[in-house]
Amino acid sequence: MPEGDTVWRTASRLNEALAGREIVESDLRWPEISTADLTGRTTLEVVSRGKHVLHRVEGGLTLHSHLRMEGQWRIEATAGLAARWRRNPQLRALVAAADWAALGLRLGMLNLVPTAREHELVGHLGPDVLGPDWDQELAVDNICASPVPIGQALLDQRNLAGVGTMWCAETLFLERVPPWTRADELGLETVERVVVRAHRLIDNGRRHAVQSSTGSYRLDEAHYVHARSGRPCRRCGTTVRVAMIGEPTKERTMFYCPGCQGGLGPTDDGRRQVPLGSDRGAARSRRSY
């Protein structure tokens, strides 16, 4: 699932392409809003809120979207917008100005609401790691009060908005924190370190197309543990592993290094894991995920 920095870059690109421009074509392919027409309205701004995109238009309306696992917004030149895009079965939204068009593909959520009621969609979110409302102290307090594993607490968007499984895993690895340790038992100093590190990583991530925690922007060198199960830890050489974290039906994958992060997690059966992408790894990952 795209994380806060990716969504921030998406909103920034949409804002650059559409803000201050009149909408000349609108096609919202979502059951509840399929008859809505934004044509003739001017885009005021497009901003992110955690993992949500808020496209505010003239007349007090907001087009809200969430990318979920596979969604994306593409920018294409309106003049050269091929018919294939309009016929694309994955197209969920088209919002075009005279020069640029935004294409929402495979979106996980799409709503059209009065701007004054945006809070009904995003008001539950904690302080946005990349937003003007970022409040480190509040984020720390939220996590310190969470009686769940720290990995689960970081992924709870009500505590702080924008952290996903990748930045969660990389943050906890860099701080040598076991992902399954209860957040409310870690202590204020440790939680502060974790929150500061997550903010630093995501803030840096929004500036680059490749999300990197290692300092390398080569895809095969960009991460310490994320998606590296079955491979040696870059720090200690122990095999990186992946296991599930979170409550039943809401579990998320957690990559970690047992050597650097306090041993096997309680949901890790300890069986051999091979690198993701290998034939055997693909079969095992289907069972593990």
C-alpha atoms as a PDB file:
ATOM      1  CA  MET A   1       0.000   0.000   0.000  1.00  0.00           C
ATOM      2  CA  PRO A   2       1.430   3.445  -0.899  1.00  0.00           C
ATOM      3  CA  GLU A   3       2.676   5.219   2.223  1.00  0.00           C
ATOM      4  CA  GLY A   4       2.486   8.840   3.300  1.00  0.00           C
ATOM      5  CA  ASP A   5       5.439  10.053   1.253  1.00  0.00           C
ATOM      6  CA  THR A   6       4.159   8.436  -1.954  1.00  0.00           C
ATOM      7  CA  VAL A   7       0.684   9.888  -1.420  1.00  0.00           C
ATOM      8  CA  TRP A   8       2.216  13.312  -0.672  1.00  0.00           C
ATOM      9  CA  ARG A   9       4.099  13.207  -3.995  1.00  0.00           C
ATOM     10  CA  THR A  10       0.920  12.119  -5.787  1.00  0.00           C
ATOM     11  CA  ALA A  11      -1.073  15.033  -4.351  1.00  0.00           C
ATOM     12  CA  SER A  12       1.738  17.473  -5.152  1.00  0.00           C
ATOM     13  CA  ARG A  13       1.822  16.356  -8.803  1.00  0.00           C
ATOM     14  CA  LEU A  14      -1.959  16.630  -9.078  1.00  0.00           C
ATOM     15  CA  ASN A  15      -1.870  20.070  -7.502  1.00  0.00           C
ATOM     16  CA  GLU A  16       0.840  21.253  -9.894  1.00  0.00           C
ATOM     17  CA  ALA A  17      -1.124  19.995 -12.906  1.00  0.00           C
ATOM     18  CA  LEU A  18      -4.638  21.145 -11.935  1.00  0.00           C
ATOM     19  CA  ALA A  19      -4.644  23.890  -9.280  1.00  0.00           C
ATOM     20  CA  GLY A  20      -6.106  27.175 -10.545  1.00  0.00           C
ATOM     21  CA  ARG A  21      -7.384  25.551 -13.753  1.00  0.00           C
ATOM     22  CA  GLU A  22     -10.966  24.992 -14.864  1.00  0.00           C
ATOM     23  CA  ILE A  23     -12.128  21.406 -15.177  1.00  0.00           C
ATOM     24  CA  VAL A  24     -13.171  20.745 -18.774  1.00  0.00           C
ATOM     25  CA  GLU A  25     -13.974  17.042 -18.453  1.00  0.00           C
ATOM     26  CA  SER A  26     -15.123  14.969 -15.487  1.00  0.00           C
ATOM     27  CA  ASP A  27     -15.913  11.268 -15.359  1.00  0.00           C
ATOM     28  CA  LEU A  28     -16.364   9.646 -11.928  1.00  0.00           C
ATOM     29  CA  ARG A  29     -16.846   5.906 -12.272  1.00  0.00           C
ATOM     30  CA  TRP A  30     -17.946   5.094  -8.754  1.00  0.00           C
ATOM     31  CA  PRO A  31     -21.500   3.937  -8.005  1.00  0.00           C
ATOM     32  CA  GLU A  32     -22.515   6.575  -5.444  1.00  0.00           C
ATOM     33  CA  ILE A  33     -21.151   9.541  -7.426  1.00  0.00           C
ATOM     34  CA  SER A  34     -21.266   8.382 -11.053  1.00  0.00           C
ATOM     35  CA  THR A  35     -23.744  11.106 -12.043  1.00  0.00           C
ATOM     36  CA  ALA A  36     -21.755  13.963 -10.460  1.00  0.00           C
ATOM     37  CA  ASP A  37     -20.179  16.429 -12.876  1.00  0.00           C
ATOM     38  CA  LEU A  38     -17.300  18.729 -11.907  1.00  0.00           C
ATOM     39  CA  THR A  39     -17.066  20.356 -15.333  1.00  0.00           C
ATOM     40  CA  GLY A  40     -16.826  24.142 -15.172  1.00  0.00           C
ATOM     41  CA  ARG A  41     -15.479  24.239 -11.616  1.00  0.00           C
ATOM     42  CA  THR A  42     -11.928  25.343 -10.849  1.00  0.00           C
ATOM     43  CA  THR A  43      -9.545  23.167  -8.888  1.00  0.00           C
ATOM     44  CA  LEU A  44      -8.503  25.077  -5.779  1.00  0.00           C
ATOM     45  CA  GLU A  45      -5.857  22.675  -4.479  1.00  0.00           C
ATOM     46  CA  VAL A  46      -4.961  19.024  -4.090  1.00  0.00           C
ATOM     47  CA  VAL A  47      -3.429  17.980  -0.779  1.00  0.00           C
ATOM     48  CA  SER A  48      -2.661  14.783   1.081  1.00  0.00           C
ATOM     49  CA  ARG A  49      -3.806  13.807   4.563  1.00  0.00           C
ATOM     50  CA  GLY A  50      -1.907  10.737   5.661  1.00  0.00           C
ATOM     51  CA  LYS A  51      -2.656   8.196   2.937  1.00  0.00           C
ATOM     52  CA  HIS A  52      -5.685  10.125   1.621  1.00  0.00           C
ATOM     53  CA  VAL A  53      -5.865  12.549  -1.324  1.00  0.00           C
ATOM     54  CA  LEU A  54      -8.176  15.573  -1.045  1.00  0.00           C
ATOM     55  CA  HIS A  55      -8.954  17.362  -4.340  1.00  0.00           C
ATOM     56  CA  ARG A  56     -10.775  20.575  -3.417  1.00  0.00           C
ATOM     57  CA  VAL A  57     -12.765  22.339  -6.111  1.00  0.00           C
ATOM     58  CA  GLU A  58     -14.703  25.550  -6.480  1.00  0.00           C
ATOM     59  CA  GLY A  59     -18.132  25.501  -4.907  1.00  0.00           C
ATOM     60  CA  GLY A  60     -17.111  23.829  -1.667  1.00  0.00           C
ATOM     61  CA  LEU A  61     -16.657  20.263  -2.891  1.00  0.00           C
ATOM     62  CA  THR A  62     -13.858  17.766  -2.242  1.00  0.00           C
ATOM     63  CA  LEU A  63     -13.075  14.707  -4.321  1.00  0.00           C
ATOM     64  CA  HIS A  64     -11.551  12.282  -1.822  1.00  0.00           C
ATOM     65  CA  SER A  65      -9.582   9.215  -2.840  1.00  0.00           C
ATOM     66  CA  HIS A  66      -7.547   6.496  -1.182  1.00  0.00           C
ATOM     67  CA  LEU A  67      -5.139   4.377  -3.224  1.00  0.00           C
ATOM     68  CA  ARG A  68      -5.404   1.234  -1.060  1.00  0.00           C
ATOM     69  CA  MET A  69      -3.027  -1.455  -2.353  1.00  0.00           C
ATOM     70  CA  GLU A  70      -2.886  -0.874  -6.106  1.00  0.00           C
ATOM     71  CA  GLY A  71      -4.409   2.508  -6.869  1.00  0.00           C
ATOM     72  CA  GLN A  72      -2.635   5.369  -8.578  1.00  0.00           C
ATOM     73  CA  TRP A  73      -3.227   8.778 -10.126  1.00  0.00           C
ATOM     74  CA  ARG A  74      -1.611   9.376 -13.518  1.00  0.00           C
ATOM     75  CA  ILE A  75      -1.060  12.712 -15.219  1.00  0.00           C
ATOM     76  CA  GLU A  76      -1.470  12.765 -19.003  1.00  0.00           C
ATOM     77  CA  ALA A  77      -1.601  15.588 -21.545  1.00  0.00           C
ATOM     78  CA  THR A  78      -5.260  16.316 -22.232  1.00  0.00           C
ATOM     79  CA  ALA A  79      -4.669  16.967 -25.925  1.00  0.00           C
ATOM     80  CA  GLY A  80      -3.108  13.562 -26.417  1.00  0.00           C
ATOM     81  CA  LEU A  81      -5.447  11.626 -24.139  1.00  0.00           C
ATOM     82  CA  ALA A  82      -5.947   8.426 -26.077  1.00  0.00           C
ATOM     83  CA  ALA A  83      -9.333   6.770 -26.289  1.00  0.00           C
ATOM     84  CA  ARG A  84      -7.778   3.701 -24.675  1.00  0.00           C
ATOM     85  CA  TRP A  85      -7.653   5.553 -21.373  1.00  0.00           C
ATOM     86  CA  ARG A  86     -11.357   6.357 -21.471  1.00  0.00           C
ATOM     87  CA  ARG A  87     -12.108   2.709 -22.260  1.00  0.00           C
ATOM     88  CA  ASN A  88      -9.737   1.370 -19.621  1.00  0.00           C
ATOM     89  CA  PRO A  89     -11.722  -0.894 -17.232  1.00  0.00           C
ATOM     90  CA  GLN A  90      -9.397   0.143 -14.393  1.00  0.00           C
ATOM     91  CA  LEU A  91     -10.286   3.828 -14.740  1.00  0.00           C
ATOM     92  CA  ARG A  92     -12.223   5.071 -11.725  1.00  0.00           C
ATOM     93  CA  ALA A  93     -11.935   8.840 -12.204  1.00  0.00           C
ATOM     94  CA  LEU A  94     -10.951  11.304 -14.903  1.00  0.00           C
ATOM     95  CA  VAL A  95     -10.568  14.999 -14.087  1.00  0.00           C
ATOM     96  CA  ALA A  96      -9.158  17.072 -16.925  1.00  0.00           C
ATOM     97  CA  ALA A  97      -8.162  20.703 -17.388  1.00  0.00           C
ATOM     98  CA  ALA A  98      -7.329  22.183 -20.767  1.00  0.00           C
ATOM     99  CA  ASP A  99      -3.701  21.080 -20.656  1.00  0.00           C
ATOM    100  CA  TRP A 100      -3.427  18.200 -18.167  1.00  0.00           C
ATOM    101  CA  ALA A 101      -5.707  15.327 -17.166  1.00  0.00           C
ATOM    102  CA  ALA A 102      -5.655  13.294 -13.949  1.00  0.00           C
ATOM    103  CA  LEU A 103      -6.536   9.606 -14.298  1.00  0.00           C
ATOM    104  CA  GLY A 104      -7.420   7.623 -11.174  1.00  0.00           C
ATOM    105  CA  LEU A 105      -6.735   3.946 -11.776  1.00  0.00           C
ATOM    106  CA  ARG A 106      -7.691   1.051  -9.474  1.00  0.00           C
ATOM    107  CA  LEU A 107      -8.584   3.479  -6.683  1.00  0.00           C
ATOM    108  CA  GLY A 108      -9.585   1.871  -3.398  1.00  0.00           C
ATOM    109  CA  MET A 109     -11.955   4.663  -2.332  1.00  0.00           C
ATOM    110  CA  LEU A 110     -13.605   7.586  -4.108  1.00  0.00           C
ATOM    111  CA  ASN A 111     -15.998  10.054  -2.494  1.00  0.00           C
ATOM    112  CA  LEU A 112     -17.388  13.462  -3.365  1.00  0.00           C
ATOM    113  CA  VAL A 113     -18.297  15.425  -0.233  1.00  0.00           C
ATOM    114  CA  PRO A 114     -18.754  19.028   0.857  1.00  0.00           C
ATOM    115  CA  THR A 115     -15.341  20.356   1.840  1.00  0.00           C
ATOM    116  CA  ALA A 116     -16.811  21.331   5.216  1.00  0.00           C
ATOM    117  CA  ARG A 117     -17.448  17.624   5.860  1.00  0.00           C
ATOM    118  CA  GLU A 118     -13.983  16.274   5.029  1.00  0.00           C
ATOM    119  CA  HIS A 119     -13.606  15.449   8.712  1.00  0.00           C
ATOM    120  CA  GLU A 120     -16.125  12.647   8.278  1.00  0.00           C
ATOM    121  CA  LEU A 121     -13.558  10.869   6.091  1.00  0.00           C
ATOM    122  CA  VAL A 122     -10.224  11.890   7.614  1.00  0.00           C
ATOM    123  CA  GLY A 123     -11.071  13.351  11.008  1.00  0.00           C
ATOM    124  CA  HIS A 124     -10.163  10.097  12.772  1.00  0.00           C
ATOM    125  CA  LEU A 125      -6.534  10.345  11.667  1.00  0.00           C
ATOM    126  CA  GLY A 126      -3.737  11.241  14.040  1.00  0.00           C
ATOM    127  CA  PRO A 127      -1.188  13.978  13.280  1.00  0.00           C
ATOM    128  CA  ASP A 128      -0.004  13.769   9.676  1.00  0.00           C
ATOM    129  CA  VAL A 129       3.719  12.970   9.467  1.00  0.00           C
ATOM    130  CA  LEU A 130       4.012  15.266   6.421  1.00  0.00           C
ATOM    131  CA  GLY A 131       1.202  17.687   7.183  1.00  0.00           C
ATOM    132  CA  PRO A 132       1.039  21.186   8.640  1.00  0.00           C
ATOM    133  CA  ASP A 133      -0.665  19.629  11.669  1.00  0.00           C
ATOM    134  CA  TRP A 134       2.332  17.417  12.498  1.00  0.00           C
ATOM    135  CA  ASP A 135       2.572  17.186  16.282  1.00  0.00           C
ATOM    136  CA  GLN A 136       5.396  14.975  17.459  1.00  0.00           C
ATOM    137  CA  GLU A 137       4.408  15.175  21.110  1.00  0.00           C
ATOM    138  CA  LEU A 138       0.841  14.076  20.379  1.00  0.00           C
ATOM    139  CA  ALA A 139       2.041  11.200  18.185  1.00  0.00           C
ATOM    140  CA  VAL A 140       4.358  10.020  20.963  1.00  0.00           C
ATOM    141  CA  ASP A 141       1.579  10.274  23.545  1.00  0.00           C
ATOM    142  CA  ASN A 142      -0.794   8.312  21.313  1.00  0.00           C
ATOM    143  CA  ILE A 143       1.696   5.486  20.870  1.00  0.00           C
ATOM    144  CA  CYS A 144       2.748   5.424  24.526  1.00  0.00           C
ATOM    145  CA  ALA A 145      -0.910   4.891  25.411  1.00  0.00           C
ATOM    146  CA  SER A 146      -1.349   1.966  22.996  1.00  0.00           C
ATOM    147  CA  PRO A 147      -1.573  -1.457  24.721  1.00  0.00           C
ATOM    148  CA  VAL A 148      -0.545  -3.256  21.528  1.00  0.00           C
ATOM    149  CA  PRO A 149       2.776  -4.199  19.835  1.00  0.00           C
ATOM    150  CA  ILE A 150       4.756  -1.159  18.718  1.00  0.00           C
ATOM    151  CA  GLY A 151       4.597  -2.347  15.098  1.00  0.00           C
ATOM    152  CA  GLN A 152       0.818  -2.410  15.282  1.00  0.00           C
ATOM    153  CA  ALA A 153       0.708   0.974  17.029  1.00  0.00           C
ATOM    154  CA  LEU A 154       2.818   2.625  14.322  1.00  0.00           C
ATOM    155  CA  LEU A 155       0.508   1.273  11.624  1.00  0.00           C
ATOM    156  CA  ASP A 156      -2.603   2.573  13.371  1.00  0.00           C
ATOM    157  CA  GLN A 157      -3.412   5.751  11.461  1.00  0.00           C
ATOM    158  CA  ARG A 158      -5.288   7.087  14.492  1.00  0.00           C
ATOM    159  CA  ASN A 159      -1.951   7.434  16.295  1.00  0.00           C
ATOM    160  CA  LEU A 160      -0.093   9.134  13.459  1.00  0.00           C
ATOM    161  CA  ALA A 161      -0.998   9.263   9.794  1.00  0.00           C
ATOM    162  CA  GLY A 162       1.245   8.169   6.958  1.00  0.00           C
ATOM    163  CA  VAL A 163       3.295   5.233   8.255  1.00  0.00           C
ATOM    164  CA  GLY A 164       2.846   1.966   6.363  1.00  0.00           C
ATOM    165  CA  THR A 165       4.442  -1.464   6.617  1.00  0.00           C
ATOM    166  CA  MET A 166       7.656  -0.482   4.844  1.00  0.00           C
ATOM    167  CA  TRP A 167       8.517   2.574   6.937  1.00  0.00           C
ATOM    168  CA  CYS A 168       7.328   0.807  10.072  1.00  0.00           C
ATOM    169  CA  ALA A 169       9.723  -2.097   9.504  1.00  0.00           C
ATOM    170  CA  GLU A 170      12.647   0.116   8.521  1.00  0.00           C
ATOM    171  CA  THR A 171      12.107   2.451  11.483  1.00  0.00           C
ATOM    172  CA  LEU A 172      11.983  -0.335  14.063  1.00  0.00           C
ATOM    173  CA  PHE A 173      15.027  -2.046  12.566  1.00  0.00           C
ATOM    174  CA  LEU A 174      17.115   1.126  12.625  1.00  0.00           C
ATOM    175  CA  GLU A 175      16.157   1.750  16.258  1.00  0.00           C
ATOM    176  CA  ARG A 176      16.732  -1.950  17.179  1.00  0.00           C
ATOM    177  CA  VAL A 177      13.217  -2.204  18.596  1.00  0.00           C
ATOM    178  CA  PRO A 178      11.434  -5.611  18.556  1.00  0.00           C
ATOM    179  CA  PRO A 179       8.191  -5.068  16.591  1.00  0.00           C
ATOM    180  CA  TRP A 180       6.096  -7.166  19.003  1.00  0.00           C
ATOM    181  CA  THR A 181       7.064  -5.277  22.178  1.00  0.00           C
ATOM    182  CA  ARG A 182       4.021  -3.554  23.643  1.00  0.00           C
ATOM    183  CA  ALA A 183       4.112   0.143  22.846  1.00  0.00           C
ATOM    184  CA  ASP A 184       2.968   1.167  26.315  1.00  0.00           C
ATOM    185  CA  GLU A 185       5.892  -0.750  27.848  1.00  0.00           C
ATOM    186  CA  LEU A 186       8.705   0.690  25.720  1.00  0.00           C
ATOM    187  CA  GLY A 187       9.161   3.911  27.651  1.00  0.00           C
ATOM    188  CA  LEU A 188       8.930   7.532  26.563  1.00  0.00           C
ATOM    189  CA  GLU A 189      12.524   7.868  25.349  1.00  0.00           C
ATOM    190  CA  THR A 190      12.334   4.839  23.055  1.00  0.00           C
ATOM    191  CA  VAL A 191       8.976   5.848  21.602  1.00  0.00           C
ATOM    192  CA  GLU A 192      10.298   9.356  20.943  1.00  0.00           C
ATOM    193  CA  ARG A 193      13.260   7.893  19.051  1.00  0.00           C
ATOM    194  CA  VAL A 194      10.939   5.728  16.983  1.00  0.00           C
ATOM    195  CA  VAL A 195       8.613   8.619  16.092  1.00  0.00           C
ATOM    196  CA  VAL A 196      11.496  10.951  15.223  1.00  0.00           C
ATOM    197  CA  ARG A 197      13.072   8.283  13.025  1.00  0.00           C
ATOM    198  CA  ALA A 198       9.789   7.541  11.212  1.00  0.00           C
ATOM    199  CA  HIS A 199       9.251  11.244  10.560  1.00  0.00           C
ATOM    200  CA  ARG A 200      12.803  11.659   9.252  1.00  0.00           C
ATOM    201  CA  LEU A 201      12.555   8.672   6.906  1.00  0.00           C
ATOM    202  CA  ILE A 202       9.178   9.656   5.466  1.00  0.00           C
ATOM    203  CA  ASP A 203      10.151  13.318   5.107  1.00  0.00           C
ATOM    204  CA  ASN A 204      13.203  12.227   3.141  1.00  0.00           C
ATOM    205  CA  GLY A 205      11.124   9.738   1.150  1.00  0.00           C
ATOM    206  CA  ARG A 206       8.816  12.415  -0.237  1.00  0.00           C
ATOM    207  CA  ARG A 207      11.792  14.007  -2.002  1.00  0.00           C
ATOM    208  CA  HIS A 208      12.747  10.932  -4.033  1.00  0.00           C
ATOM    209  CA  ALA A 209      11.041   8.556  -6.443  1.00  0.00           C
ATOM    210  CA  VAL A 210      12.793   5.617  -4.756  1.00  0.00           C
ATOM    211  CA  GLN A 211      12.069   5.234  -1.036  1.00  0.00           C
ATOM    212  CA  SER A 212      15.369   4.528   0.683  1.00  0.00           C
ATOM    213  CA  SER A 213      16.391   4.006   4.282  1.00  0.00           C
ATOM    214  CA  THR A 214      19.944   2.886   3.485  1.00  0.00           C
ATOM    215  CA  GLY A 215      21.055   5.946   1.531  1.00  0.00           C
ATOM    216  CA  SER A 216      21.254   3.960  -1.719  1.00  0.00           C
ATOM    217  CA  TYR A 217      18.636   4.552  -4.384  1.00  0.00           C
ATOM    218  CA  ARG A 218      19.283   1.297  -6.220  1.00  0.00           C
ATOM    219  CA  LEU A 219      16.100  -0.731  -5.827  1.00  0.00           C
ATOM    220  CA  ASP A 220      17.965  -3.796  -4.562  1.00  0.00           C
ATOM    221  CA  GLU A 221      19.906  -1.759  -1.996  1.00  0.00           C
ATOM    222  CA  ALA A 222      17.314   0.720  -0.737  1.00  0.00           C
ATOM    223  CA  HIS A 223      16.021  -1.165   2.338  1.00  0.00           C
ATOM    224  CA  TYR A 224      17.415  -2.948   5.378  1.00  0.00           C
ATOM    225  CA  VAL A 225      14.630  -5.444   6.068  1.00  0.00           C
ATOM    226  CA  HIS A 226      11.486  -4.616   4.068  1.00  0.00           C
ATOM    227  CA  ALA A 227      10.846  -7.332   1.443  1.00  0.00           C
ATOM    228  CA  ARG A 228      14.215  -8.927   2.322  1.00  0.00           C
ATOM    229  CA  SER A 229      13.022 -12.041   4.150  1.00  0.00           C
ATOM    230  CA  GLY A 230      15.332 -14.979   3.520  1.00  0.00           C
ATOM    231  CA  ARG A 231      18.299 -12.687   2.910  1.00  0.00           C
ATOM    232  CA  PRO A 232      21.132 -11.774   5.292  1.00  0.00           C
ATOM    233  CA  CYS A 233      20.765  -8.700   7.480  1.00  0.00           C
ATOM    234  CA  ARG A 234      22.935  -5.871   6.196  1.00  0.00           C
ATOM    235  CA  ARG A 235      23.987  -5.147   9.773  1.00  0.00           C
ATOM    236  CA  CYS A 236      24.588  -8.510  11.483  1.00  0.00           C
ATOM    237  CA  GLY A 237      24.212 -11.218   8.833  1.00  0.00           C
ATOM    238  CA  THR A 238      21.258 -12.975  10.493  1.00  0.00           C
ATOM    239  CA  THR A 239      18.544 -14.039   8.053  1.00  0.00           C
ATOM    240  CA  VAL A 240      15.811 -11.399   7.789  1.00  0.00           C
ATOM    241  CA  ARG A 241      12.330 -12.802   8.400  1.00  0.00           C
ATOM    242  CA  VAL A 242       8.693 -11.885   7.852  1.00  0.00           C
ATOM    243  CA  ALA A 243       5.713 -12.637  10.119  1.00  0.00           C
ATOM    244  CA  MET A 244       2.266 -11.238  10.763  1.00  0.00           C
ATOM    245  CA  ILE A 245       1.463  -8.547  13.300  1.00  0.00           C
ATOM    246  CA  GLY A 246      -1.860  -7.187  14.470  1.00  0.00           C
ATOM    247  CA  GLU A 247      -5.288  -8.452  15.426  1.00  0.00           C
ATOM    248  CA  PRO A 248      -6.964 -11.340  13.570  1.00  0.00           C
ATOM    249  CA  THR A 249      -8.475 -10.277  10.220  1.00  0.00           C
ATOM    250  CA  LYS A 250      -6.423  -7.061  10.397  1.00  0.00           C
ATOM    251  CA  GLU A 251      -2.916  -8.528  10.372  1.00  0.00           C
ATOM    252  CA  ARG A 252      -0.120  -6.844   8.450  1.00  0.00           C
ATOM    253  CA  THR A 253       3.252  -8.176   7.330  1.00  0.00           C
ATOM    254  CA  MET A 254       6.284  -7.288   9.435  1.00  0.00           C
ATOM    255  CA  PHE A 255       9.831  -7.731   8.146  1.00  0.00           C
ATOM    256  CA  TYR A 256      12.491  -7.807  10.838  1.00  0.00           C
ATOM    257  CA  CYS A 257      15.902  -9.140  11.852  1.00  0.00           C
ATOM    258  CA  PRO A 258      15.854 -11.547  14.821  1.00  0.00           C
ATOM    259  CA  GLY A 259      19.543 -10.831  15.454  1.00  0.00           C
ATOM    260  CA  CYS A 260      19.100  -7.067  15.752  1.00  0.00           C
ATOM    261  CA  GLN A 261      15.570  -7.006  17.149  1.00  0.00           C
ATOM    262  CA  GLY A 262      15.394  -9.435  20.045  1.00  0.00           C
ATOM    263  CA  GLY A 263      14.791 -12.843  18.482  1.00  0.00           C
ATOM    264  CA  LEU A 264      11.844 -14.493  16.743  1.00  0.00           C
ATOM    265  CA  GLY A 265       8.506 -12.746  16.907  1.00  0.00           C
ATOM    266  CA  PRO A 266       5.647 -14.570  18.654  1.00  0.00           C
ATOM    267  CA  THR A 267       3.800 -15.108  15.356  1.00  0.00           C
ATOM    268  CA  ASP A 268       6.901 -16.461  13.571  1.00  0.00           C
ATOM    269  CA  ASP A 269       6.956 -20.281  13.403  1.00  0.00           C
ATOM    270  CA  GLY A 270      10.713 -20.269  12.808  1.00  0.00           C
ATOM    271  CA  ARG A 271      10.548 -22.294   9.613  1.00  0.00           C
ATOM    272  CA  ARG A 272      13.105 -21.568   6.938  1.00  0.00           C
ATOM    273  CA  GLN A 273      12.223 -18.627   4.709  1.00  0.00           C
ATOM    274  CA  VAL A 274      13.786 -18.179   1.304  1.00  0.00           C
ATOM    275  CA  PRO A 275      14.193 -14.890  -0.562  1.00  0.00           C
ATOM    276  CA  LEU A 276      11.013 -13.375  -1.960  1.00  0.00           C
ATOM    277  CA  GLY A 277      10.746 -13.830  -5.685  1.00  0.00           C
ATOM    278  CA  SER A 278      12.185 -17.344  -5.830  1.00  0.00           C
ATOM    279  CA  ASP A 279       9.826 -20.167  -6.819  1.00  0.00           C
ATOM    280  CA  ARG A 280       9.863 -21.709  -3.372  1.00  0.00           C
ATOM    281  CA  GLY A 281       9.675 -18.272  -1.792  1.00  0.00           C
ATOM    282  CA  ALA A 282       6.576 -17.421  -3.770  1.00  0.00           C
ATOM    283  CA  ALA A 283       4.837 -20.584  -2.561  1.00  0.00           C
ATOM    284  CA  ARG A 284       5.875 -19.969   1.025  1.00  0.00           C
ATOM    285  CA  SER A 285       4.881 -16.294   0.903  1.00  0.00           C
ATOM    286  CA  ARG A 286       1.383 -17.258  -0.206  1.00  0.00           C
ATOM    287  CA  ARG A 287       1.098 -19.294   2.978  1.00  0.00           C
ATOM    288  CA  SER A 288       2.746 -16.667   5.162  1.00  0.00           C
ATOM    289  CA  TYR A 289       0.825 -13.616   3.977  1.00  0.00           C
END
